[in-house]
Protein backbone atom coordinates (compact mmCIF):
# COMPACT_ATOMS: atom_id res chain seq x y z
CA MET A 1 -77.31 -19.97 51.97
CA HIS A 2 -76.04 -17.59 48.67
CA GLU A 3 -72.81 -20.38 48.07
CA ILE A 4 -75.03 -23.29 48.58
CA LEU A 5 -77.07 -21.81 45.82
CA PHE A 6 -74.12 -21.10 43.75
CA TRP A 7 -72.92 -24.85 43.97
CA ILE A 8 -76.26 -26.15 43.27
CA ILE A 9 -76.25 -23.71 39.73
CA ILE A 10 -73.51 -25.28 39.21
CA ALA A 11 -74.28 -29.03 39.96
CA ILE A 12 -77.15 -28.22 37.91
CA LEU A 13 -75.02 -27.05 34.70
CA VAL A 14 -72.62 -29.42 34.50
CA LEU A 15 -75.35 -32.82 35.25
CA ASP A 16 -77.05 -31.27 32.49
CA PHE A 17 -74.56 -31.16 30.10
CA LEU A 18 -73.18 -34.31 31.29
CA PHE A 19 -76.65 -36.48 30.85
CA GLU A 20 -77.36 -34.63 27.47
CA LYS A 21 -73.76 -35.78 26.20
CA TYR A 22 -74.52 -39.22 27.32
CA LEU A 23 -77.89 -39.43 25.61
CA ASP A 24 -75.47 -38.56 22.43
CA TYR A 25 -73.36 -40.84 23.13
CA LEU A 26 -76.16 -43.63 23.38
CA ASN A 27 -77.42 -42.47 20.03
CA THR A 28 -73.84 -43.58 18.56
CA THR A 29 -74.57 -47.16 19.25
CA ARG A 30 -77.13 -47.53 17.13
CA TRP A 31 -75.01 -46.78 14.25
CA SER A 32 -74.19 -49.60 11.51
CA ASP A 33 -72.27 -49.87 8.25
CA LYS A 34 -74.97 -52.15 6.75
CA LEU A 35 -78.79 -51.12 6.59
CA PRO A 36 -80.66 -52.84 9.18
CA ALA A 37 -83.57 -55.07 7.94
CA GLU A 38 -86.18 -52.94 9.54
CA LEU A 39 -85.34 -49.92 7.32
CA ALA A 40 -85.30 -52.47 4.41
CA GLY A 41 -87.59 -50.44 1.89
CA ILE A 42 -87.49 -47.34 3.27
CA TYR A 43 -83.38 -46.41 2.68
CA ASP A 44 -81.89 -48.14 0.07
CA GLU A 45 -77.90 -48.75 1.16
CA GLU A 46 -76.43 -45.53 -0.75
CA LYS A 47 -79.25 -43.27 0.77
CA TYR A 48 -78.78 -45.23 4.20
CA SER A 49 -74.74 -44.54 4.01
CA LYS A 50 -74.90 -41.11 3.28
CA GLN A 51 -77.74 -40.29 6.63
CA GLN A 52 -75.31 -42.40 8.59
CA ALA A 53 -72.64 -39.62 7.35
CA TYR A 54 -75.10 -37.03 8.04
CA GLU A 55 -75.48 -38.61 11.58
CA TYR A 56 -72.01 -38.72 12.36
CA GLU A 57 -70.84 -34.68 11.60
CA ASN A 58 -74.06 -33.71 12.90
CA HIS A 59 -72.92 -35.84 15.99
CA ARG A 60 -69.01 -34.31 15.65
CA PHE A 61 -70.67 -30.95 15.51
CA GLY A 62 -72.70 -30.69 17.82
CA MET A 63 -70.42 -31.84 20.56
CA ILE A 64 -67.78 -29.28 19.51
CA SER A 65 -70.23 -26.55 19.53
CA GLY A 66 -72.16 -27.89 22.39
CA THR A 67 -69.01 -28.36 24.69
CA PHE A 68 -68.38 -24.58 23.83
CA SER A 69 -71.43 -23.52 24.86
CA PHE A 70 -71.16 -25.15 27.95
CA VAL A 71 -67.66 -24.08 28.23
CA VAL A 72 -68.57 -20.14 28.42
CA THR A 73 -71.86 -20.57 30.60
CA LEU A 74 -70.20 -22.13 33.07
CA ALA A 75 -67.03 -19.33 32.53
CA MET A 76 -70.07 -16.80 33.54
CA PHE A 77 -71.04 -18.26 36.57
CA LEU A 78 -67.40 -19.41 37.88
CA PHE A 79 -65.92 -16.43 37.41
CA ALA A 80 -68.50 -13.90 38.33
CA GLY A 81 -69.41 -12.42 34.22
CA PHE A 82 -72.78 -11.54 35.48
CA ALA A 83 -71.81 -9.61 38.05
CA PHE A 84 -70.11 -7.82 35.38
CA VAL A 85 -72.31 -7.23 33.62
CA ASP A 86 -74.59 -6.07 35.93
CA SER A 87 -72.00 -3.54 36.91
CA LEU A 88 -71.45 -2.47 33.76
CA VAL A 89 -74.94 -1.45 33.27
CA TRP A 90 -75.57 0.16 36.09
CA GLY A 91 -72.95 2.55 35.30
CA PHE A 92 -74.93 3.54 32.20
CA THR A 93 -77.91 4.06 34.22
CA ALA A 94 -79.74 4.36 37.25
CA ASN A 95 -82.98 3.33 35.33
CA SER A 96 -83.93 -0.55 36.15
CA ILE A 97 -85.58 -1.33 33.34
CA LEU A 98 -83.22 0.02 30.73
CA ALA A 99 -80.43 -1.86 33.05
CA ALA A 100 -82.26 -4.75 32.73
CA LEU A 101 -82.67 -4.44 28.60
CA LEU A 102 -78.86 -3.07 28.07
CA PHE A 103 -78.15 -6.49 30.66
CA PHE A 104 -79.95 -9.04 28.54
CA GLY A 105 -79.16 -7.07 25.51
CA ILE A 106 -75.23 -7.59 26.01
CA LEU A 107 -75.90 -11.50 26.96
CA LEU A 108 -77.66 -12.16 23.97
CA LEU A 109 -75.57 -10.24 21.42
CA ALA A 110 -72.41 -11.65 22.90
CA SER A 111 -73.86 -14.97 22.91
CA ASP A 112 -75.10 -14.93 19.19
CA LEU A 113 -71.86 -13.36 17.73
CA LEU A 114 -70.01 -15.77 19.54
CA GLN A 115 -72.35 -19.07 17.91
CA THR A 116 -72.40 -17.16 14.50
CA PRO A 117 -69.00 -19.10 13.62
CA PHE A 118 -70.76 -22.52 14.28
CA GLU A 119 -73.97 -21.63 12.63
CA VAL A 120 -71.54 -20.58 9.54
CA TYR A 121 -70.27 -23.88 9.37
CA ASP A 122 -73.53 -25.76 10.10
CA THR A 123 -75.26 -24.10 7.23
CA PHE A 124 -72.86 -23.62 4.58
CA ILE A 125 -70.26 -26.71 5.31
CA ILE A 126 -72.26 -29.23 6.67
CA GLU A 127 -75.83 -28.66 5.03
CA GLU A 128 -73.97 -27.61 2.19
CA LYS A 129 -72.03 -31.20 1.60
CA TYR A 130 -75.79 -32.86 1.88
CA GLY A 131 -77.34 -31.15 -0.72
CA PHE A 132 -79.55 -29.33 1.79
CA ASN A 133 -78.28 -25.38 2.06
CA LYS A 134 -80.02 -22.92 -0.02
CA THR A 135 -79.45 -19.91 2.08
CA THR A 136 -77.25 -17.22 0.66
CA PRO A 137 -74.34 -15.02 2.69
CA LYS A 138 -76.80 -11.94 2.14
CA THR A 139 -80.04 -14.06 3.70
CA PHE A 140 -77.79 -15.33 6.19
CA VAL A 141 -77.09 -11.73 7.17
CA VAL A 142 -80.22 -10.16 6.71
CA ASP A 143 -81.66 -12.96 8.83
CA LYS A 144 -79.16 -12.24 11.85
CA ILE A 145 -79.96 -8.42 11.29
CA LYS A 146 -84.24 -9.15 11.19
CA GLY A 147 -83.83 -11.82 14.72
CA TRP A 148 -81.69 -8.79 16.54
CA LEU A 149 -84.28 -5.84 15.46
CA LEU A 150 -87.27 -8.30 16.55
CA GLY A 151 -85.82 -9.61 19.62
CA ALA A 152 -84.80 -6.08 21.10
CA ILE A 153 -88.55 -4.72 20.28
CA ILE A 154 -90.86 -7.85 21.35
CA GLY A 155 -88.51 -9.43 23.64
CA GLY A 156 -87.46 -6.16 24.86
CA GLY A 157 -91.04 -4.49 25.00
CA LEU A 158 -92.24 -7.55 26.72
CA LEU A 159 -89.32 -7.70 29.36
CA SER A 160 -89.70 -3.74 29.91
CA PHE A 161 -93.68 -4.31 30.28
CA ILE A 162 -93.16 -7.07 32.84
CA ILE A 163 -90.55 -5.01 35.05
CA PHE A 164 -92.86 -2.08 35.33
CA ILE A 165 -95.52 -3.87 36.28
CA TYR A 166 -93.36 -5.66 39.02
CA GLN A 167 -92.31 -2.04 40.11
CA LEU A 168 -95.76 -1.29 40.63
CA THR A 169 -97.63 -4.48 42.26
CA GLN A 170 -94.60 -6.46 43.43
CA ASN A 171 -95.19 -10.10 44.88
CA LEU A 172 -98.40 -9.84 43.12
CA PHE A 173 -96.96 -8.97 39.62
CA TRP A 174 -97.09 -12.55 38.64
CA ILE A 175 -101.02 -12.32 38.69
CA TYR A 176 -100.50 -9.35 35.75
CA ALA A 177 -97.46 -10.54 34.15
CA TRP A 178 -99.42 -13.86 33.42
CA LEU A 179 -102.25 -11.66 31.77
CA VAL A 180 -100.16 -10.19 29.77
CA VAL A 181 -97.86 -13.00 28.52
CA SER A 182 -101.08 -15.12 28.15
CA ALA A 183 -102.69 -12.40 26.06
CA PHE A 184 -99.04 -11.86 23.69
CA SER A 185 -99.19 -15.68 23.48
CA VAL A 186 -102.63 -15.74 22.05
CA PHE A 187 -102.41 -13.08 19.74
CA MET A 188 -99.05 -14.17 18.16
CA LEU A 189 -100.46 -18.03 17.83
CA LEU A 190 -103.18 -16.17 15.71
CA PHE A 191 -101.13 -13.54 14.11
CA TYR A 192 -97.24 -14.91 13.23
CA SER A 193 -98.29 -16.37 9.95
CA ASN A 194 -99.56 -12.52 8.89
CA LEU A 195 -96.95 -10.50 10.83
CA ILE A 196 -93.72 -12.48 11.50
CA VAL A 197 -93.48 -14.93 8.68
CA PRO A 198 -94.03 -12.03 5.79
CA LEU A 199 -90.58 -10.43 7.41
CA PHE A 200 -88.48 -14.04 6.39
CA ASN A 201 -90.62 -15.52 3.75
CA LYS A 202 -93.00 -15.16 0.85
CA GLN A 203 -96.64 -16.77 1.23
CA THR A 204 -98.52 -16.97 -1.86
CA PRO A 205 -102.45 -18.46 -1.73
CA LEU A 206 -102.30 -21.82 -2.95
CA PRO A 207 -103.46 -21.62 -6.27
CA GLU A 208 -106.68 -23.05 -7.91
CA GLY A 209 -105.99 -26.58 -9.33
CA ASP A 210 -106.27 -30.30 -8.63
CA LEU A 211 -104.38 -29.94 -5.10
CA ARG A 212 -106.64 -26.87 -4.06
CA GLU A 213 -109.48 -28.86 -5.40
CA THR A 214 -108.57 -32.13 -3.27
CA ILE A 215 -107.45 -30.29 -0.12
CA GLN A 216 -110.94 -28.60 -0.52
CA LYS A 217 -113.17 -31.44 -0.64
CA PHE A 218 -111.48 -33.38 1.82
CA SER A 219 -111.37 -30.06 4.23
CA GLU A 220 -115.45 -30.57 3.66
CA LYS A 221 -115.99 -33.77 4.09
CA VAL A 222 -114.48 -33.66 7.52
CA GLY A 223 -116.10 -30.55 9.04
CA PHE A 224 -113.01 -28.45 8.69
CA LYS A 225 -113.56 -24.74 7.51
CA LEU A 226 -110.52 -23.41 5.77
CA ASN A 227 -110.26 -21.00 3.56
CA ASN A 228 -106.54 -19.80 4.34
CA ILE A 229 -104.11 -22.53 2.33
CA TYR A 230 -100.40 -20.78 1.75
CA VAL A 231 -97.32 -22.11 0.06
CA ILE A 232 -94.13 -20.80 1.30
CA ASP A 233 -90.98 -20.61 -0.24
CA GLY A 234 -89.15 -22.75 2.20
CA SER A 235 -86.26 -23.75 -0.83
CA LYS A 236 -85.30 -19.92 0.07
CA ARG A 237 -83.01 -21.80 2.64
CA SER A 238 -83.28 -25.15 2.92
CA SER A 239 -84.47 -28.33 0.50
CA LYS A 240 -86.04 -29.87 3.44
CA ALA A 241 -89.54 -30.11 3.32
CA ASN A 242 -92.35 -29.42 5.96
CA ALA A 243 -95.81 -27.71 6.44
CA TYR A 244 -97.89 -26.59 9.48
CA PHE A 245 -101.11 -25.58 11.01
CA THR A 246 -101.76 -22.44 13.22
CA GLY A 247 -104.31 -20.16 13.94
CA PHE A 248 -107.88 -20.40 15.30
CA GLY A 249 -111.25 -19.67 14.47
CA ALA A 250 -111.23 -17.47 10.95
CA LYS A 251 -107.36 -17.07 11.38
CA LYS A 252 -106.77 -20.92 10.56
CA ARG A 253 -104.33 -21.66 8.31
CA ILE A 254 -102.02 -24.12 6.67
CA VAL A 255 -98.80 -23.33 5.24
CA LEU A 256 -96.92 -26.00 2.38
CA TYR A 257 -93.58 -25.31 1.66
CA ASP A 258 -92.77 -25.70 -1.85
CA THR A 259 -90.38 -28.34 -1.51
CA LEU A 260 -92.75 -30.31 0.15
CA MET A 261 -95.07 -29.79 -2.92
CA ASN A 262 -91.95 -30.40 -5.32
CA GLU A 263 -91.35 -34.04 -3.82
CA MET A 264 -95.04 -35.52 -3.06
CA GLU A 265 -98.20 -36.76 -5.14
CA ILE A 266 -101.45 -35.20 -4.31
CA ASP A 267 -102.72 -37.62 -2.14
CA GLU A 268 -99.73 -37.61 -0.37
CA ILE A 269 -99.74 -34.01 0.40
CA VAL A 270 -103.51 -34.29 1.31
CA ALA A 271 -102.64 -37.03 3.55
CA VAL A 272 -100.20 -34.59 5.45
CA LEU A 273 -102.75 -31.66 5.84
CA ALA A 274 -105.31 -34.42 7.11
CA HIS A 275 -102.72 -35.10 10.29
CA GLU A 276 -102.54 -31.39 10.45
CA ILE A 277 -106.43 -30.79 10.44
CA GLY A 278 -106.11 -34.04 12.44
CA HIS A 279 -104.32 -31.83 15.38
CA TYR A 280 -106.84 -29.18 15.46
CA LYS A 281 -110.26 -31.52 15.14
CA LYS A 282 -108.81 -33.44 18.09
CA LYS A 283 -108.00 -29.79 19.86
CA HIS A 284 -104.23 -30.33 20.55
CA VAL A 285 -103.48 -27.19 20.01
CA LEU A 286 -106.03 -25.79 22.27
CA HIS A 287 -104.89 -27.87 24.49
CA GLY A 288 -101.33 -27.65 24.61
CA LEU A 289 -101.63 -23.43 24.34
CA ILE A 290 -104.19 -24.22 27.69
CA ILE A 291 -101.09 -26.05 29.44
CA SER A 292 -98.37 -23.83 28.16
CA LEU A 293 -100.37 -21.21 29.72
CA LEU A 294 -100.95 -22.44 33.00
CA HIS A 295 -97.21 -23.87 33.46
CA THR A 296 -96.07 -20.03 32.29
CA GLY A 297 -98.64 -19.15 35.58
CA ALA A 298 -96.76 -21.26 37.52
CA ILE A 299 -93.34 -20.48 36.88
CA LEU A 300 -94.17 -16.75 37.46
CA PHE A 301 -95.67 -17.13 40.87
CA ILE A 302 -92.45 -19.35 41.83
CA PHE A 303 -90.70 -16.65 40.69
CA SER A 304 -92.53 -13.57 42.24
CA LEU A 305 -91.86 -15.46 45.91
CA LEU A 306 -88.01 -15.54 44.78
CA ILE A 307 -87.53 -12.28 42.98
CA GLY A 308 -86.82 -10.46 45.90
CA THR A 309 -84.47 -12.56 47.45
CA ALA A 310 -80.95 -11.20 48.19
CA GLU A 311 -79.88 -14.71 48.11
CA LEU A 312 -80.45 -15.46 44.51
CA SER A 313 -78.88 -12.45 43.12
CA ARG A 314 -75.70 -12.70 45.75
CA ALA A 315 -75.24 -16.54 44.24
CA LEU A 316 -74.86 -14.91 40.94
CA GLY A 317 -72.29 -12.02 42.96
CA VAL A 318 -74.43 -9.20 42.81
CA GLU A 319 -75.03 -8.17 46.31
CA THR A 320 -78.16 -5.75 45.57
CA PRO A 321 -80.82 -8.02 44.51
CA ASN A 322 -82.27 -6.54 41.09
CA PHE A 323 -84.99 -8.28 38.96
CA HIS A 324 -82.87 -9.51 35.48
CA ILE A 325 -80.04 -11.14 37.89
CA GLY A 326 -82.43 -12.90 39.98
CA LEU A 327 -84.13 -14.25 36.64
CA VAL A 328 -81.28 -15.64 35.27
CA ALA A 329 -80.21 -17.53 38.78
CA PHE A 330 -84.18 -18.67 38.86
CA GLY A 331 -83.92 -19.48 35.40
CA ILE A 332 -80.85 -22.26 35.96
CA LEU A 333 -82.62 -23.52 39.35
CA TYR A 334 -85.81 -23.85 37.80
CA SER A 335 -84.56 -26.07 34.86
CA PRO A 336 -84.51 -29.47 36.64
CA VAL A 337 -88.36 -28.51 36.81
CA SER A 338 -88.76 -28.20 33.43
CA PHE A 339 -86.34 -30.92 32.47
CA VAL A 340 -89.39 -33.11 34.44
CA LEU A 341 -92.13 -31.52 32.80
CA ASP A 342 -90.39 -31.57 29.19
CA ILE A 343 -90.29 -35.33 29.85
CA PHE A 344 -94.38 -35.18 30.21
CA MET A 345 -95.02 -32.40 27.57
CA ASN A 346 -93.37 -35.01 25.06
CA MET A 347 -94.49 -37.95 26.07
CA LEU A 348 -98.10 -36.43 25.82
CA SER A 349 -97.01 -34.96 22.14
CA ARG A 350 -96.11 -38.08 21.22
CA LYS A 351 -99.81 -39.34 21.76
CA ASN A 352 -100.82 -36.46 19.93
CA GLU A 353 -99.47 -37.26 17.07
CA TYR A 354 -100.69 -40.72 17.30
CA GLU A 355 -103.98 -39.17 17.36
CA ALA A 356 -103.81 -37.29 14.46
CA ASP A 357 -101.83 -39.78 12.16
CA ALA A 358 -104.92 -41.86 13.14
CA PHE A 359 -107.46 -38.97 12.06
CA ALA A 360 -105.52 -39.30 8.18
CA ALA A 361 -106.06 -42.88 8.26
CA GLN A 362 -109.43 -43.03 9.37
CA HIS A 363 -110.91 -40.04 7.20
CA PHE A 364 -108.67 -40.33 4.25
CA GLN A 365 -105.62 -42.83 3.02
CA PRO A 366 -103.24 -44.87 5.44
CA GLY A 367 -101.19 -45.67 2.67
CA ALA A 368 -100.49 -42.23 1.13
CA LEU A 369 -99.82 -40.61 4.82
CA ALA A 370 -97.13 -43.72 5.29
CA SER A 371 -95.77 -42.76 1.82
CA ALA A 372 -95.67 -38.90 2.92
CA LEU A 373 -93.48 -39.68 6.41
CA LYS A 374 -90.86 -42.17 4.07
CA LYS A 375 -90.28 -39.78 1.61
CA LEU A 376 -90.10 -36.42 4.42
CA SER A 377 -87.33 -38.64 6.54
CA VAL A 378 -85.62 -40.13 4.11
CA ASN A 379 -84.81 -37.01 1.90
CA ASN A 380 -84.26 -35.16 5.05
CA LEU A 381 -81.79 -37.77 5.83
CA SER A 382 -83.47 -38.20 9.23
CA ASN A 383 -82.32 -40.88 12.31
CA LEU A 384 -84.64 -43.30 11.72
CA THR A 385 -83.07 -45.90 14.79
CA PRO A 386 -82.57 -43.18 17.61
CA HIS A 387 -81.95 -44.73 21.08
CA PRO A 388 -85.20 -45.44 23.26
CA LEU A 389 -83.52 -43.63 25.81
CA TYR A 390 -83.02 -40.39 23.65
CA VAL A 391 -86.64 -40.91 22.14
CA PHE A 392 -88.07 -40.71 25.56
CA PHE A 393 -86.47 -37.53 26.66
CA HIS A 394 -86.34 -35.40 23.60
CA TYR A 395 -88.97 -36.44 20.58
CA SER A 396 -92.33 -34.80 20.83
CA HIS A 397 -92.67 -36.89 17.95
CA PRO A 398 -92.98 -41.13 17.70
CA THR A 399 -90.07 -42.48 15.34
CA LEU A 400 -90.96 -43.26 12.06
CA LEU A 401 -90.91 -46.61 12.28
CA GLN A 402 -93.21 -46.20 15.34
CA ARG A 403 -95.43 -44.48 12.88
CA LEU A 404 -95.41 -46.20 10.34
CA GLY A 405 -96.02 -49.66 12.47
CA ASN A 406 -98.90 -48.00 14.01
CA LEU A 407 -100.49 -47.18 10.71
CA LYS A 408 -100.09 -50.95 9.53
CA LYS A 409 -103.32 -51.78 11.36
CA PHE A 410 -105.23 -49.05 9.36
CA GLU A 411 -103.88 -50.64 5.99
CA ILE A 412 -105.40 -53.55 6.60
CA ASN A 413 -108.45 -52.57 7.63
CA GLU A 414 -108.52 -50.17 4.53
């Protein structure tokens, strides 16, 4: 049975890789030397040519880095790499929690180190070439070290607690683990911007002025109490613009990238925030959290049924079952289910984006939102003509052209 599981794992890895490369290829069929008619008025010829070059370089780079990752992962399964690391950590300790921490620590650190040359090339060659990169080598290295420390403290602590619960409760561990993970998820949603973001970026309250006054007037108009409006120094790493909404209740917070404020007019910025407020008013954030927690509970329940089976560990070449090796095998075997669920989640997300756009259009200015979306896409050199199949499987947002088409009906009635 374990041999069958092993080849199922290999088949999943290979089929997933081939399918992703096929989707990438489909996107290349949409490339064009001439500005497509539907992009007239959004991209000019020069900017579009630059976007196509950027898209091509990212595609070529993604093919190389993705193939490298696939080959390394496949080799780990074909040549019993996970079994080797497992035997290595048990040679250091007989404690199952410490063994799991060492096991994942070695794998994640090795994986990150192997990926670092690709990240360096992406950041300092491709992003630099197209005028996006603002990251210094020092910031890059410091970010890496901070990421490792956070992963060890938060990820290691959470994993240790879950394994401890498993040792105490066995098959019922999924219930207690679910409660722990759920509490942690809610905590991070509320306090991520307060605790984690400041480790990497500086956030300052939006100063008094026309922008803050316009935002507050709009918030009051739609019955959205908002006191926490911050500006983040996104330009520290990239010239690309963004904004996001996080938290619940008194912890609600809207964060504007400084690059966004430099590129847009007041009405455009408020339109972007109106979209984010629309997500909250339509309860998209709450619904997303509930769905995520239910999905996590289902995963933990199924995992609890399989973790004790020797076949799961033997599929990776380990005779004695243990938590961490079973988790690796289960993660691959469950990935087709996650793949299908992700399709539905992306469909729901795209629906939510349309609803948030509609909220912004109805309560503010559809023209301002359309203008903001165009600026964000063009300044970030976004691909505006992805293949529909790629969009179906991977896009959490509708394409720009789809969103602009949807906003036109509000502009007509404006």
